[in-house]
Amino acid sequence: MGADHPESPLRLSRIEDELMRRGVLDFLVHLEAPLVTRSQLERVHDPDYLDALAARAPEEGLEHIDPDTSMNPYTLEAAHRAAGALVLATDKVLAGDVESAFCAVRPPGHHAMPAEAMGFCFFNNIAVGAAHAIAAHGLERVAVFDFDVHHGNGTEAIFEHDPRVMVCSAYQHPLYPFVGAPTIPGRIINVELAAGTRGQDYRQAIEDFWAPAVERFRPQMVFVSAGFDAHVEDPVADLLLNDRDFEWLTDWVVAVARRHAGGRLVSSLEGGYSERAMARCAARHVQILAGL
């Protein structure tokens, strides 16, 4: 998205480097992300929006969607593959080929609205995966856990009125995108956290608000919007989580998946802009998902 933009290609290469450093990379199944189809996107995005976004894709230079979100000539294909990764991961998990999957993708997705790109996001990757689990595989209860430091407003907007999907988001407030519907008991669980919140209070909030709702909902599959920008080292926000807190979060979502969904879990990279902290936490996240 331009020089010095925090959402940079280094984010993915640093994760791969960290997995290699830990000796994990060779123990994982690696799949190339396919292009998402138009029909898969239309489950969560308006057709007119998809047409308008394609029309704005530049042949050179940058096309500014908003002050923080830009497209270059390769962005649209990358976005199609990021969403396609969630479809493939969902298929593989539900086929029983793997128990869980992590989609190391850019651009992120959880701010993408049904008809609006924003917050570095163009297609709502996690929503595409969750909708695919329902439409193509017949699931009736899917949970999305979003621990990015920013509210997953796009995911909420897409599923707000769909009783088959529970969306749980814990985020700093006030902070971008400065919106969010109130909690809808049993369906939309929003946990607003003040700047300076530390890991122990964050964990307690998950136990107090997410856990009871999830136990009643009993999801058949778990999706995770894995943002690592609530880390104390991250420059974009003011929560104070550390590496062990993200390890605890991963253990928590895995336990939910195993208790209710036969371990079926798909996670997708969202935010995380301290490259070193994000790489450490994402690598450990993958290790736990892989049982390593």
Protein backbone atom coordinates (compact mmCIF):
# COMPACT_ATOMS: atom_id res chain seq x y z
CA MET A 1 0.00 0.00 0.00
CA GLY A 2 3.01 2.27 -0.30
CA ALA A 3 6.29 2.94 1.46
CA ASP A 4 6.17 2.77 5.27
CA HIS A 5 2.59 1.45 5.34
CA PRO A 6 2.23 -0.95 8.30
CA GLU A 7 0.37 -3.57 6.21
CA SER A 8 3.44 -4.64 4.27
CA PRO A 9 4.70 -7.82 2.58
CA LEU A 10 7.22 -8.26 5.39
CA ARG A 11 4.40 -9.41 7.64
CA LEU A 12 4.13 -12.74 5.84
CA SER A 13 7.82 -13.29 5.28
CA ARG A 14 8.55 -12.68 8.97
CA ILE A 15 6.00 -15.34 9.96
CA GLU A 16 7.57 -17.83 7.57
CA ASP A 17 11.05 -16.97 8.86
CA GLU A 18 9.92 -17.51 12.45
CA LEU A 19 8.31 -20.85 11.64
CA MET A 20 11.54 -21.87 9.94
CA ARG A 21 13.62 -20.70 12.91
CA ARG A 22 11.49 -22.81 15.24
CA GLY A 23 11.89 -25.89 13.05
CA VAL A 24 8.15 -26.08 12.42
CA LEU A 25 7.81 -25.24 8.74
CA ASP A 26 8.63 -28.69 7.37
CA PHE A 27 6.02 -30.36 9.60
CA LEU A 28 3.14 -28.38 8.08
CA VAL A 29 1.05 -29.02 4.96
CA HIS A 30 1.52 -26.07 2.58
CA LEU A 31 -1.15 -25.24 0.01
CA GLU A 32 -1.29 -22.42 -2.51
CA ALA A 33 -4.33 -20.24 -2.08
CA PRO A 34 -6.72 -20.48 -5.05
CA LEU A 35 -8.71 -17.61 -6.47
CA VAL A 36 -12.07 -17.19 -4.77
CA THR A 37 -15.05 -17.44 -7.12
CA ARG A 38 -17.57 -14.73 -7.76
CA SER A 39 -20.37 -16.82 -6.25
CA GLN A 40 -18.35 -17.42 -3.09
CA LEU A 41 -17.78 -13.68 -2.69
CA GLU A 42 -21.44 -12.87 -3.33
CA ARG A 43 -22.43 -14.86 -0.25
CA VAL A 44 -21.07 -11.97 1.84
CA HIS A 45 -20.56 -9.02 -0.56
CA ASP A 46 -22.93 -7.04 -2.78
CA PRO A 47 -22.45 -7.69 -6.51
CA ASP A 48 -22.34 -3.94 -7.29
CA TYR A 49 -19.53 -3.52 -4.80
CA LEU A 50 -17.50 -6.30 -6.42
CA ASP A 51 -17.95 -4.66 -9.83
CA ALA A 52 -17.00 -1.22 -8.50
CA LEU A 53 -13.88 -2.55 -6.76
CA ALA A 54 -12.74 -4.32 -9.92
CA ALA A 55 -13.27 -1.13 -11.91
CA ARG A 56 -11.02 0.79 -9.53
CA ALA A 57 -8.08 -1.61 -9.75
CA PRO A 58 -5.19 0.42 -11.21
CA GLU A 59 -2.88 -0.67 -14.00
CA GLU A 60 -0.03 1.19 -12.31
CA GLY A 61 0.56 3.18 -9.16
CA LEU A 62 -1.86 3.31 -6.24
CA GLU A 63 -5.62 3.79 -6.15
CA HIS A 64 -6.63 5.23 -2.78
CA ILE A 65 -9.86 3.70 -1.47
CA ASP A 66 -9.64 5.71 1.75
CA PRO A 67 -6.76 7.49 3.53
CA ASP A 68 -5.44 4.17 4.90
CA THR A 69 -6.42 1.68 2.21
CA SER A 70 -4.93 1.56 -1.28
CA MET A 71 -4.83 -0.80 -4.26
CA ASN A 72 -1.86 -1.44 -6.53
CA PRO A 73 -2.00 -3.48 -9.76
CA TYR A 74 -1.61 -6.74 -7.80
CA THR A 75 -3.93 -6.05 -4.86
CA LEU A 76 -7.11 -7.44 -6.37
CA GLU A 77 -5.57 -10.81 -7.19
CA ALA A 78 -4.01 -10.98 -3.72
CA ALA A 79 -7.42 -10.24 -2.20
CA HIS A 80 -9.04 -12.94 -4.33
CA ARG A 81 -6.43 -15.44 -3.15
CA ALA A 82 -6.74 -14.37 0.50
CA ALA A 83 -10.47 -15.10 0.38
CA GLY A 84 -9.83 -18.25 -1.64
CA ALA A 85 -7.49 -19.50 1.06
CA LEU A 86 -10.38 -19.52 3.53
CA VAL A 87 -12.53 -21.53 1.13
CA LEU A 88 -9.80 -24.12 0.58
CA ALA A 89 -8.99 -24.33 4.28
CA THR A 90 -12.67 -24.80 5.11
CA ASP A 91 -12.98 -27.58 2.54
CA LYS A 92 -9.86 -29.36 3.81
CA VAL A 93 -10.93 -29.19 7.44
CA LEU A 94 -14.49 -30.34 6.76
CA ALA A 95 -13.24 -33.15 4.53
CA GLY A 96 -11.12 -34.39 7.42
CA ASP A 97 -7.88 -33.95 5.51
CA VAL A 98 -6.57 -31.76 8.34
CA GLU A 99 -7.97 -30.91 11.76
CA SER A 100 -7.16 -27.20 11.57
CA ALA A 101 -5.63 -24.63 9.25
CA PHE A 102 -3.96 -21.22 9.42
CA CYS A 103 -4.29 -18.88 6.44
CA ALA A 104 -1.22 -16.63 6.26
CA VAL A 105 -2.80 -14.09 3.94
CA ARG A 106 -2.76 -10.46 2.93
CA PRO A 107 -4.72 -8.26 2.69
CA PRO A 108 -6.63 -8.84 5.93
CA GLY A 109 -10.40 -8.92 5.88
CA HIS A 110 -12.41 -8.33 9.04
CA HIS A 111 -13.17 -4.64 8.35
CA ALA A 112 -14.52 -5.31 4.85
CA MET A 113 -18.23 -4.52 4.85
CA PRO A 114 -20.83 -6.01 2.51
CA ALA A 115 -20.37 -3.03 0.16
CA GLU A 116 -17.30 -1.14 1.38
CA ALA A 117 -13.53 -1.64 1.59
CA MET A 118 -11.88 -0.12 4.64
CA GLY A 119 -9.16 -0.60 7.22
CA PHE A 120 -6.70 -2.28 4.80
CA CYS A 121 -9.45 -4.82 3.91
CA PHE A 122 -11.19 -5.51 0.58
CA PHE A 123 -12.93 -8.89 0.94
CA ASN A 124 -13.98 -10.27 4.30
CA ASN A 125 -11.89 -13.43 4.23
CA ILE A 126 -13.16 -14.97 7.45
CA ALA A 127 -16.78 -14.28 6.47
CA VAL A 128 -16.22 -15.95 3.09
CA GLY A 129 -14.96 -19.05 4.88
CA ALA A 130 -17.79 -19.13 7.42
CA ALA A 131 -20.42 -18.60 4.72
CA HIS A 132 -18.84 -21.39 2.65
CA ALA A 133 -19.06 -23.78 5.60
CA ILE A 134 -22.79 -23.08 5.78
CA ALA A 135 -23.65 -22.92 2.08
CA ALA A 136 -21.44 -25.68 0.71
CA HIS A 137 -21.24 -28.03 3.70
CA GLY A 138 -24.57 -27.52 5.40
CA LEU A 139 -23.33 -26.46 8.84
CA GLU A 140 -25.96 -24.87 11.05
CA ARG A 141 -23.83 -23.25 13.77
CA VAL A 142 -20.50 -21.52 13.10
CA ALA A 143 -18.55 -19.34 15.54
CA VAL A 144 -16.13 -16.56 14.63
CA PHE A 145 -13.67 -15.45 17.33
CA ASP A 146 -11.96 -12.13 16.59
CA PHE A 147 -9.11 -11.11 18.89
CA ASP A 148 -7.70 -8.36 16.68
CA VAL A 149 -7.27 -5.11 18.64
CA HIS A 150 -9.78 -3.44 16.30
CA HIS A 151 -13.45 -4.32 16.25
CA GLY A 152 -14.37 -6.74 13.46
CA ASN A 153 -17.10 -4.44 12.21
CA GLY A 154 -17.29 -5.94 8.73
CA THR A 155 -17.77 -9.49 9.99
CA GLU A 156 -20.42 -8.28 12.40
CA ALA A 157 -22.27 -6.35 9.69
CA ILE A 158 -22.30 -9.39 7.40
CA PHE A 159 -23.64 -11.82 10.00
CA GLU A 160 -25.59 -9.56 12.33
CA HIS A 161 -28.93 -11.04 11.27
CA ASP A 162 -27.82 -14.61 10.55
CA PRO A 163 -28.71 -16.93 13.45
CA ARG A 164 -26.33 -19.58 12.15
CA VAL A 165 -23.25 -17.48 12.97
CA MET A 166 -21.98 -16.28 16.33
CA VAL A 167 -19.42 -13.44 16.20
CA CYS A 168 -17.32 -12.77 19.30
CA SER A 169 -15.01 -9.74 19.18
CA ALA A 170 -12.75 -8.29 21.90
CA TYR A 171 -11.16 -4.96 21.05
CA GLN A 172 -9.82 -1.66 22.31
CA HIS A 173 -12.47 1.04 22.61
CA PRO A 174 -12.48 3.79 21.55
CA LEU A 175 -10.32 2.96 18.54
CA TYR A 176 -10.76 2.54 14.78
CA PRO A 177 -13.33 1.87 13.31
CA PHE A 178 -15.20 3.61 16.16
CA VAL A 179 -18.41 1.63 15.55
CA GLY A 180 -20.07 -1.49 16.83
CA ALA A 181 -23.52 -2.79 17.50
CA PRO A 182 -24.40 -3.61 21.09
CA THR A 183 -24.10 -7.20 22.14
CA ILE A 184 -26.93 -9.38 20.85
CA PRO A 185 -27.31 -12.12 23.47
CA GLY A 186 -26.38 -15.50 22.10
CA ARG A 187 -25.19 -14.17 18.73
CA ILE A 188 -23.00 -11.04 18.71
CA ILE A 189 -20.69 -10.78 21.71
CA ASN A 190 -18.70 -7.53 21.82
CA VAL A 191 -16.18 -6.91 24.58
CA GLU A 192 -14.90 -3.32 24.69
CA LEU A 193 -11.57 -2.88 26.46
CA ALA A 194 -9.94 0.35 27.61
CA ALA A 195 -6.45 1.39 26.57
CA GLY A 196 -3.93 -0.08 28.99
CA THR A 197 -5.85 -3.34 29.54
CA ARG A 198 -3.41 -6.08 30.51
CA GLY A 199 -3.48 -9.74 29.72
CA GLN A 200 -5.09 -10.99 32.93
CA ASP A 201 -8.04 -8.63 32.56
CA TYR A 202 -8.34 -9.53 28.87
CA ARG A 203 -8.42 -13.24 29.70
CA GLN A 204 -11.06 -12.67 32.37
CA ALA A 205 -13.23 -10.77 29.89
CA ILE A 206 -13.09 -13.72 27.49
CA GLU A 207 -14.11 -16.10 30.28
CA ASP A 208 -16.88 -13.80 31.50
CA PHE A 209 -18.45 -12.83 28.16
CA TRP A 210 -17.40 -15.16 25.33
CA ALA A 211 -17.31 -18.46 27.18
CA PRO A 212 -20.91 -18.67 28.49
CA ALA A 213 -22.36 -17.68 25.10
CA VAL A 214 -20.21 -20.19 23.24
CA GLU A 215 -21.17 -23.04 25.56
CA ARG A 216 -24.83 -22.37 24.81
CA PHE A 217 -24.26 -21.95 21.05
CA ARG A 218 -22.19 -25.16 20.61
CA PRO A 219 -20.54 -24.32 17.26
CA GLN A 220 -20.00 -27.05 14.71
CA MET A 221 -16.91 -25.24 13.39
CA VAL A 222 -14.68 -22.45 14.68
CA PHE A 223 -13.18 -19.60 12.67
CA VAL A 224 -10.58 -17.24 14.12
CA SER A 225 -9.76 -13.70 13.02
CA ALA A 226 -6.22 -13.83 14.37
CA GLY A 227 -4.97 -10.29 14.80
CA PHE A 228 -1.86 -9.82 16.91
CA ASP A 229 -1.99 -6.03 17.22
CA ALA A 230 -3.20 -6.07 20.85
CA HIS A 231 0.41 -6.93 21.72
CA VAL A 232 2.23 -4.52 24.01
CA GLU A 233 4.92 -4.07 21.34
CA ASP A 234 2.47 -3.15 18.58
CA PRO A 235 2.60 0.52 17.46
CA VAL A 236 -1.04 0.95 16.36
CA ALA A 237 -2.95 0.48 19.64
CA ASP A 238 -2.69 0.52 23.42
CA LEU A 239 -3.61 -2.90 24.82
CA LEU A 240 -0.85 -4.65 26.73
CA LEU A 241 -1.05 -8.33 25.84
CA ASN A 242 2.16 -10.36 25.65
CA ASP A 243 3.21 -13.55 23.89
CA ARG A 244 1.77 -15.77 26.63
CA ASP A 245 -1.62 -14.09 26.38
CA PHE A 246 -1.86 -14.95 22.68
CA GLU A 247 -0.76 -18.50 23.50
CA TRP A 248 -3.61 -18.64 26.05
CA LEU A 249 -6.08 -17.30 23.46
CA THR A 250 -5.03 -19.97 20.98
CA ASP A 251 -5.36 -22.69 23.61
CA TRP A 252 -8.82 -21.33 24.43
CA VAL A 253 -10.17 -21.38 20.86
CA VAL A 254 -8.65 -24.81 20.23
CA ALA A 255 -10.35 -26.14 23.36
CA VAL A 256 -13.69 -24.76 22.18
CA ALA A 257 -13.21 -26.37 18.77
CA ARG A 258 -12.33 -29.73 20.29
CA ARG A 259 -15.18 -29.62 22.80
CA HIS A 260 -17.92 -28.74 20.33
CA ALA A 261 -16.65 -29.10 16.75
CA GLY A 262 -14.45 -32.15 16.61
CA GLY A 263 -11.41 -29.84 16.57
CA ARG A 264 -12.47 -28.24 13.27
CA LEU A 265 -10.88 -24.79 13.20
CA VAL A 266 -9.74 -22.35 10.52
CA SER A 267 -7.71 -19.29 11.50
CA SER A 268 -6.81 -16.33 9.30
CA LEU A 269 -4.27 -13.57 9.81
CA GLU A 270 -5.73 -10.13 10.43
CA GLY A 271 -3.69 -7.35 12.05
CA GLY A 272 -0.31 -7.25 13.77
CA TYR A 273 2.15 -4.50 12.89
CA SER A 274 5.10 -5.09 15.16
CA GLU A 275 6.69 -7.54 12.78
CA ARG A 276 8.75 -9.31 15.42
CA ALA A 277 5.96 -9.64 17.98
CA MET A 278 3.44 -10.65 15.33
CA ALA A 279 5.80 -13.27 13.89
CA ARG A 280 6.47 -14.79 17.32
CA CYS A 281 2.80 -14.91 18.27
CA ALA A 282 1.60 -16.14 14.88
CA ALA A 283 4.24 -18.88 14.83
CA ARG A 284 3.25 -20.05 18.29
CA HIS A 285 -0.41 -19.89 17.22
CA VAL A 286 0.40 -22.24 14.33
CA GLN A 287 2.41 -24.55 16.58
CA ILE A 288 -0.54 -24.96 18.93
CA LEU A 289 -2.97 -25.54 16.07
CA ALA A 290 -0.61 -28.20 14.71
CA GLY A 291 -0.05 -29.81 18.11
CA LEU A 292 3.67 -29.04 17.97
